[in-house]
Amino acid sequence: MITFISYICEAISLSDRIVVLTKRPAEIKYIYEIKMANKSTPINNRKTPEFNTYYDMIWRDLDVHIQ
């Protein structure tokens, strides 16, 4: 199943894979395979150390400067 989520926290908590796209025309910039030790619930996922690592990496990929 493919679900489009625009909130990074939700995407990391709920997904097995996250695809980061470039600006238009969109191309795939990076694909993250989300691997966490305990994927019991989305709330528990946010408490793992891996969550912060993915969050920081994805924000770096999304860092675009608007002119």
PDB file of N, CA and C in Angstrom:
ATOM      1  N   MET A   1       0.827  -1.160   0.000  1.00  0.00           N
ATOM      2  CA  MET A   1       0.000   0.000   0.000  1.00  0.00           C
ATOM      3  C   MET A   1       0.886   1.241   0.000  1.00  0.00           C
ATOM      4  N   ILE A   2       0.492   2.241  -0.729  1.00  0.00           N
ATOM      5  CA  ILE A   2       1.214   3.511  -0.780  1.00  0.00           C
ATOM      6  C   ILE A   2       0.339   4.566  -0.120  1.00  0.00           C
ATOM      7  N   THR A   3       0.936   5.299   0.793  1.00  0.00           N
ATOM      8  CA  THR A   3       0.251   6.390   1.464  1.00  0.00           C
ATOM      9  C   THR A   3       1.130   7.622   1.384  1.00  0.00           C
ATOM     10  N   PHE A   4       0.556   8.745   1.023  1.00  0.00           N
ATOM     11  CA  PHE A   4       1.308   9.988   0.970  1.00  0.00           C
ATOM     12  C   PHE A   4       1.102  10.742   2.275  1.00  0.00           C
ATOM     13  N   ILE A   5       2.208  11.012   2.965  1.00  0.00           N
ATOM     14  CA  ILE A   5       2.160  11.716   4.243  1.00  0.00           C
ATOM     15  C   ILE A   5       3.105  12.896   4.155  1.00  0.00           C
ATOM     16  N   SER A   6       2.608  14.059   4.536  1.00  0.00           N
ATOM     17  CA  SER A   6       3.446  15.250   4.446  1.00  0.00           C
ATOM     18  C   SER A   6       4.113  15.610   5.765  1.00  0.00           C
ATOM     19  N   TYR A   7       3.751  14.941   6.844  1.00  0.00           N
ATOM     20  CA  TYR A   7       4.367  15.220   8.140  1.00  0.00           C
ATOM     21  C   TYR A   7       5.445  14.189   8.415  1.00  0.00           C
ATOM     22  N   ILE A   8       6.648  14.661   8.636  1.00  0.00           N
ATOM     23  CA  ILE A   8       7.791  13.757   8.789  1.00  0.00           C
ATOM     24  C   ILE A   8       7.603  12.801   9.959  1.00  0.00           C
ATOM     25  N   CYS A   9       7.146  13.297  11.092  1.00  0.00           N
ATOM     26  CA  CYS A   9       6.970  12.438  12.268  1.00  0.00           C
ATOM     27  C   CYS A   9       6.004  11.295  11.986  1.00  0.00           C
ATOM     28  N   GLU A  10       4.894  11.599  11.330  1.00  0.00           N
ATOM     29  CA  GLU A  10       3.931  10.553  10.999  1.00  0.00           C
ATOM     30  C   GLU A  10       4.521   9.557  10.015  1.00  0.00           C
ATOM     31  N   ALA A  11       5.231  10.064   9.033  1.00  0.00           N
ATOM     32  CA  ALA A  11       5.822   9.178   8.030  1.00  0.00           C
ATOM     33  C   ALA A  11       6.798   8.198   8.673  1.00  0.00           C
ATOM     34  N   ILE A  12       7.667   8.699   9.545  1.00  0.00           N
ATOM     35  CA  ILE A  12       8.647   7.822  10.195  1.00  0.00           C
ATOM     36  C   ILE A  12       7.946   6.817  11.105  1.00  0.00           C
ATOM     37  N   SER A  13       6.946   7.269  11.838  1.00  0.00           N
ATOM     38  CA  SER A  13       6.254   6.412  12.803  1.00  0.00           C
ATOM     39  C   SER A  13       5.436   5.310  12.142  1.00  0.00           C
ATOM     40  N   LEU A  14       4.900   5.586  10.949  1.00  0.00           N
ATOM     41  CA  LEU A  14       3.952   4.656  10.328  1.00  0.00           C
ATOM     42  C   LEU A  14       4.513   3.847   9.163  1.00  0.00           C
ATOM     43  N   SER A  15       5.644   4.255   8.606  1.00  0.00           N
ATOM     44  CA  SER A  15       6.086   3.695   7.327  1.00  0.00           C
ATOM     45  C   SER A  15       7.187   2.658   7.457  1.00  0.00           C
ATOM     46  N   ASP A  16       7.264   1.837   6.432  1.00  0.00           N
ATOM     47  CA  ASP A  16       8.400   0.929   6.264  1.00  0.00           C
ATOM     48  C   ASP A  16       9.430   1.542   5.323  1.00  0.00           C
ATOM     49  N   ARG A  17       8.963   2.485   4.496  1.00  0.00           N
ATOM     50  CA  ARG A  17       9.840   3.127   3.516  1.00  0.00           C
ATOM     51  C   ARG A  17       9.355   4.560   3.300  1.00  0.00           C
ATOM     52  N   ILE A  18      10.318   5.476   3.187  1.00  0.00           N
ATOM     53  CA  ILE A  18       9.999   6.872   2.908  1.00  0.00           C
ATOM     54  C   ILE A  18      10.779   7.291   1.671  1.00  0.00           C
ATOM     55  N   VAL A  19      10.073   7.902   0.722  1.00  0.00           N
ATOM     56  CA  VAL A  19      10.691   8.381  -0.496  1.00  0.00           C
ATOM     57  C   VAL A  19      10.689   9.909  -0.452  1.00  0.00           C
ATOM     58  N   VAL A  20      11.870  10.507  -0.512  1.00  0.00           N
ATOM     59  CA  VAL A  20      12.005  11.955  -0.541  1.00  0.00           C
ATOM     60  C   VAL A  20      12.134  12.377  -2.001  1.00  0.00           C
ATOM     61  N   LEU A  21      11.306  13.350  -2.400  1.00  0.00           N
ATOM     62  CA  LEU A  21      11.308  13.826  -3.774  1.00  0.00           C
ATOM     63  C   LEU A  21      11.962  15.200  -3.873  1.00  0.00           C
ATOM     64  N   THR A  22      12.486  15.512  -5.045  1.00  0.00           N
ATOM     65  CA  THR A  22      13.032  16.843  -5.305  1.00  0.00           C
ATOM     66  C   THR A  22      11.890  17.785  -5.649  1.00  0.00           C
ATOM     67  N   LYS A  23      12.221  19.075  -5.805  1.00  0.00           N
ATOM     68  CA  LYS A  23      11.191  20.008  -6.245  1.00  0.00           C
ATOM     69  C   LYS A  23      10.852  19.727  -7.703  1.00  0.00           C
ATOM     70  N   ARG A  24       9.856  20.394  -8.217  1.00  0.00           N
ATOM     71  CA  ARG A  24       9.365  20.144  -9.573  1.00  0.00           C
ATOM     72  C   ARG A  24      10.416  20.391 -10.632  1.00  0.00           C
ATOM     73  N   PRO A  25      10.484  19.597 -11.640  1.00  0.00           N
ATOM     74  CA  PRO A  25       9.765  18.340 -11.816  1.00  0.00           C
ATOM     75  C   PRO A  25      10.330  17.292 -10.864  1.00  0.00           C
ATOM     76  N   ALA A  26       9.467  16.680 -10.103  1.00  0.00           N
ATOM     77  CA  ALA A  26       9.877  15.790  -9.020  1.00  0.00           C
ATOM     78  C   ALA A  26      10.627  14.565  -9.533  1.00  0.00           C
ATOM     79  N   GLU A  27      11.716  14.298  -8.851  1.00  0.00           N
ATOM     80  CA  GLU A  27      12.492  13.072  -9.054  1.00  0.00           C
ATOM     81  C   GLU A  27      12.778  12.513  -7.678  1.00  0.00           C
ATOM     82  N   ILE A  28      13.079  11.237  -7.617  1.00  0.00           N
ATOM     83  CA  ILE A  28      13.407  10.614  -6.342  1.00  0.00           C
ATOM     84  C   ILE A  28      14.782  11.099  -5.903  1.00  0.00           C
ATOM     85  N   LYS A  29      14.839  11.696  -4.720  1.00  0.00           N
ATOM     86  CA  LYS A  29      16.099  12.175  -4.171  1.00  0.00           C
ATOM     87  C   LYS A  29      16.751  11.092  -3.311  1.00  0.00           C
ATOM     88  N   TYR A  30      15.936  10.438  -2.460  1.00  0.00           N
ATOM     89  CA  TYR A  30      16.478   9.392  -1.594  1.00  0.00           C
ATOM     90  C   TYR A  30      15.338   8.508  -1.107  1.00  0.00           C
ATOM     91  N   ILE A  31      15.632   7.236  -0.913  1.00  0.00           N
ATOM     92  CA  ILE A  31      14.663   6.294  -0.356  1.00  0.00           C
ATOM     93  C   ILE A  31      15.214   5.796   0.966  1.00  0.00           C
ATOM     94  N   TYR A  32      14.435   5.983   2.021  1.00  0.00           N
ATOM     95  CA  TYR A  32      14.807   5.509   3.356  1.00  0.00           C
ATOM     96  C   TYR A  32      14.033   4.242   3.678  1.00  0.00           C
ATOM     97  N   GLU A  33      14.740   3.186   4.012  1.00  0.00           N
ATOM     98  CA  GLU A  33      14.117   1.974   4.522  1.00  0.00           C
ATOM     99  C   GLU A  33      14.065   2.143   6.040  1.00  0.00           C
ATOM    100  N   ILE A  34      12.867   2.280   6.585  1.00  0.00           N
ATOM    101  CA  ILE A  34      12.713   2.557   8.004  1.00  0.00           C
ATOM    102  C   ILE A  34      12.799   1.246   8.780  1.00  0.00           C
ATOM    103  N   LYS A  35      13.838   1.149   9.594  1.00  0.00           N
ATOM    104  CA  LYS A  35      14.062  -0.054  10.404  1.00  0.00           C
ATOM    105  C   LYS A  35      14.192   0.380  11.857  1.00  0.00           C
ATOM    106  N   MET A  36      13.248  -0.064  12.658  1.00  0.00           N
ATOM    107  CA  MET A  36      13.276   0.246  14.082  1.00  0.00           C
ATOM    108  C   MET A  36      13.207  -1.048  14.870  1.00  0.00           C
ATOM    109  N   ALA A  37      13.815  -1.045  16.037  1.00  0.00           N
ATOM    110  CA  ALA A  37      13.861  -2.256  16.860  1.00  0.00           C
ATOM    111  C   ALA A  37      12.466  -2.695  17.300  1.00  0.00           C
ATOM    112  N   ASN A  38      11.606  -1.747  17.656  1.00  0.00           N
ATOM    113  CA  ASN A  38      10.275  -2.085  18.147  1.00  0.00           C
ATOM    114  C   ASN A  38       9.248  -1.277  17.377  1.00  0.00           C
ATOM    115  N   LYS A  39       8.518  -1.929  16.483  1.00  0.00           N
ATOM    116  CA  LYS A  39       7.497  -1.237  15.694  1.00  0.00           C
ATOM    117  C   LYS A  39       6.102  -1.599  16.191  1.00  0.00           C
ATOM    118  N   SER A  40       5.935  -1.686  17.522  1.00  0.00           N
ATOM    119  CA  SER A  40       4.649  -2.112  18.062  1.00  0.00           C
ATOM    120  C   SER A  40       3.542  -1.097  17.821  1.00  0.00           C
ATOM    121  N   THR A  41       3.810   0.185  18.074  1.00  0.00           N
ATOM    122  CA  THR A  41       2.807   1.227  17.835  1.00  0.00           C
ATOM    123  C   THR A  41       3.518   2.492  17.353  1.00  0.00           C
ATOM    124  N   PRO A  42       2.815   3.364  16.638  1.00  0.00           N
ATOM    125  CA  PRO A  42       3.437   4.618  16.194  1.00  0.00           C
ATOM    126  C   PRO A  42       3.948   5.474  17.357  1.00  0.00           C
ATOM    127  N   ILE A  43       3.241   5.468  18.482  1.00  0.00           N
ATOM    128  CA  ILE A  43       3.689   6.252  19.638  1.00  0.00           C
ATOM    129  C   ILE A  43       5.004   5.695  20.174  1.00  0.00           C
ATOM    130  N   ASN A  44       5.123   4.383  20.278  1.00  0.00           N
ATOM    131  CA  ASN A  44       6.381   3.782  20.742  1.00  0.00           C
ATOM    132  C   ASN A  44       7.511   4.019  19.755  1.00  0.00           C
ATOM    133  N   ASN A  45       7.197   4.060  18.472  1.00  0.00           N
ATOM    134  CA  ASN A  45       8.226   4.324  17.459  1.00  0.00           C
ATOM    135  C   ASN A  45       8.886   5.680  17.676  1.00  0.00           C
ATOM    136  N   ARG A  46       8.111   6.658  18.102  1.00  0.00           N
ATOM    137  CA  ARG A  46       8.654   8.005  18.308  1.00  0.00           C
ATOM    138  C   ARG A  46       9.606   8.087  19.493  1.00  0.00           C
ATOM    139  N   LYS A  47       9.609   7.078  20.330  1.00  0.00           N
ATOM    140  CA  LYS A  47      10.468   7.067  21.519  1.00  0.00           C
ATOM    141  C   LYS A  47      11.800   6.354  21.285  1.00  0.00           C
ATOM    142  N   THR A  48      12.008   5.831  20.092  1.00  0.00           N
ATOM    143  CA  THR A  48      13.237   5.085  19.819  1.00  0.00           C
ATOM    144  C   THR A  48      14.357   6.020  19.369  1.00  0.00           C
ATOM    145  N   PRO A  49      15.609   5.631  19.615  1.00  0.00           N
ATOM    146  CA  PRO A  49      16.729   6.454  19.144  1.00  0.00           C
ATOM    147  C   PRO A  49      16.780   6.548  17.616  1.00  0.00           C
ATOM    148  N   GLU A  50      16.337   5.493  16.936  1.00  0.00           N
ATOM    149  CA  GLU A  50      16.355   5.493  15.479  1.00  0.00           C
ATOM    150  C   GLU A  50      15.447   6.581  14.912  1.00  0.00           C
ATOM    151  N   PHE A  51      14.338   6.869  15.610  1.00  0.00           N
ATOM    152  CA  PHE A  51      13.406   7.880  15.144  1.00  0.00           C
ATOM    153  C   PHE A  51      14.109   9.219  14.951  1.00  0.00           C
ATOM    154  N   ASN A  52      14.883   9.648  15.944  1.00  0.00           N
ATOM    155  CA  ASN A  52      15.590  10.927  15.853  1.00  0.00           C
ATOM    156  C   ASN A  52      16.615  10.938  14.727  1.00  0.00           C
ATOM    157  N   THR A  53      17.261   9.811  14.510  1.00  0.00           N
ATOM    158  CA  THR A  53      18.241   9.708  13.430  1.00  0.00           C
ATOM    159  C   THR A  53      17.555   9.897  12.077  1.00  0.00           C
ATOM    160  N   TYR A  54      16.462   9.172  11.845  1.00  0.00           N
ATOM    161  CA  TYR A  54      15.720   9.320  10.590  1.00  0.00           C
ATOM    162  C   TYR A  54      15.186  10.737  10.433  1.00  0.00           C
ATOM    163  N   TYR A  55      14.653  11.297  11.510  1.00  0.00           N
ATOM    164  CA  TYR A  55      14.094  12.647  11.473  1.00  0.00           C
ATOM    165  C   TYR A  55      15.144  13.659  11.014  1.00  0.00           C
ATOM    166  N   ASP A  56      16.334  13.595  11.599  1.00  0.00           N
ATOM    167  CA  ASP A  56      17.410  14.525  11.230  1.00  0.00           C
ATOM    168  C   ASP A  56      17.861  14.338   9.784  1.00  0.00           C
ATOM    169  N   MET A  57      18.003  13.079   9.350  1.00  0.00           N
ATOM    170  CA  MET A  57      18.448  12.818   7.980  1.00  0.00           C
ATOM    171  C   MET A  57      17.432  13.313   6.953  1.00  0.00           C
ATOM    172  N   ILE A  58      16.158  13.060   7.214  1.00  0.00           N
ATOM    173  CA  ILE A  58      15.123  13.470   6.270  1.00  0.00           C
ATOM    174  C   ILE A  58      15.018  14.990   6.209  1.00  0.00           C
ATOM    175  N   TRP A  59      15.105  15.668   7.348  1.00  0.00           N
ATOM    176  CA  TRP A  59      15.077  17.133   7.330  1.00  0.00           C
ATOM    177  C   TRP A  59      16.241  17.702   6.543  1.00  0.00           C
ATOM    178  N   ARG A  60      17.420  17.076   6.654  1.00  0.00           N
ATOM    179  CA  ARG A  60      18.567  17.540   5.862  1.00  0.00           C
ATOM    180  C   ARG A  60      18.285  17.389   4.376  1.00  0.00           C
ATOM    181  N   ASP A  61      17.645  16.296   3.974  1.00  0.00           N
ATOM    182  CA  ASP A  61      17.301  16.102   2.561  1.00  0.00           C
ATOM    183  C   ASP A  61      16.265  17.112   2.075  1.00  0.00           C
ATOM    184  N   LEU A  62      15.399  17.554   2.964  1.00  0.00           N
ATOM    185  CA  LEU A  62      14.345  18.492   2.590  1.00  0.00           C
ATOM    186  C   LEU A  62      14.774  19.948   2.698  1.00  0.00           C
ATOM    187  N   ASP A  63      15.971  20.198   3.168  1.00  0.00           N
ATOM    188  CA  ASP A  63      16.439  21.573   3.368  1.00  0.00           C
ATOM    189  C   ASP A  63      16.662  22.237   2.018  1.00  0.00           C
ATOM    190  N   VAL A  64      15.678  23.023   1.618  1.00  0.00           N
ATOM    191  CA  VAL A  64      15.787  23.786   0.377  1.00  0.00           C
ATOM    192  C   VAL A  64      15.655  25.260   0.720  1.00  0.00           C
ATOM    193  N   HIS A  65      16.367  26.066   0.008  1.00  0.00           N
ATOM    194  CA  HIS A  65      16.329  27.499   0.244  1.00  0.00           C
ATOM    195  C   HIS A  65      15.426  28.149  -0.796  1.00  0.00           C
ATOM    196  N   ILE A  66      14.410  28.824  -0.330  1.00  0.00           N
ATOM    197  CA  ILE A  66      13.468  29.485  -1.218  1.00  0.00           C
ATOM    198  C   ILE A  66      13.960  30.896  -1.473  1.00  0.00           C
ATOM    199  N   GLN A  67      14.013  31.276  -2.730  1.00  0.00           N
ATOM    200  CA  GLN A  67      14.490  32.609  -3.093  1.00  0.00           C
ATOM    201  C   GLN A  67      13.342  33.534  -3.386  1.00  0.00           C
TER     202      GLN A  67
END
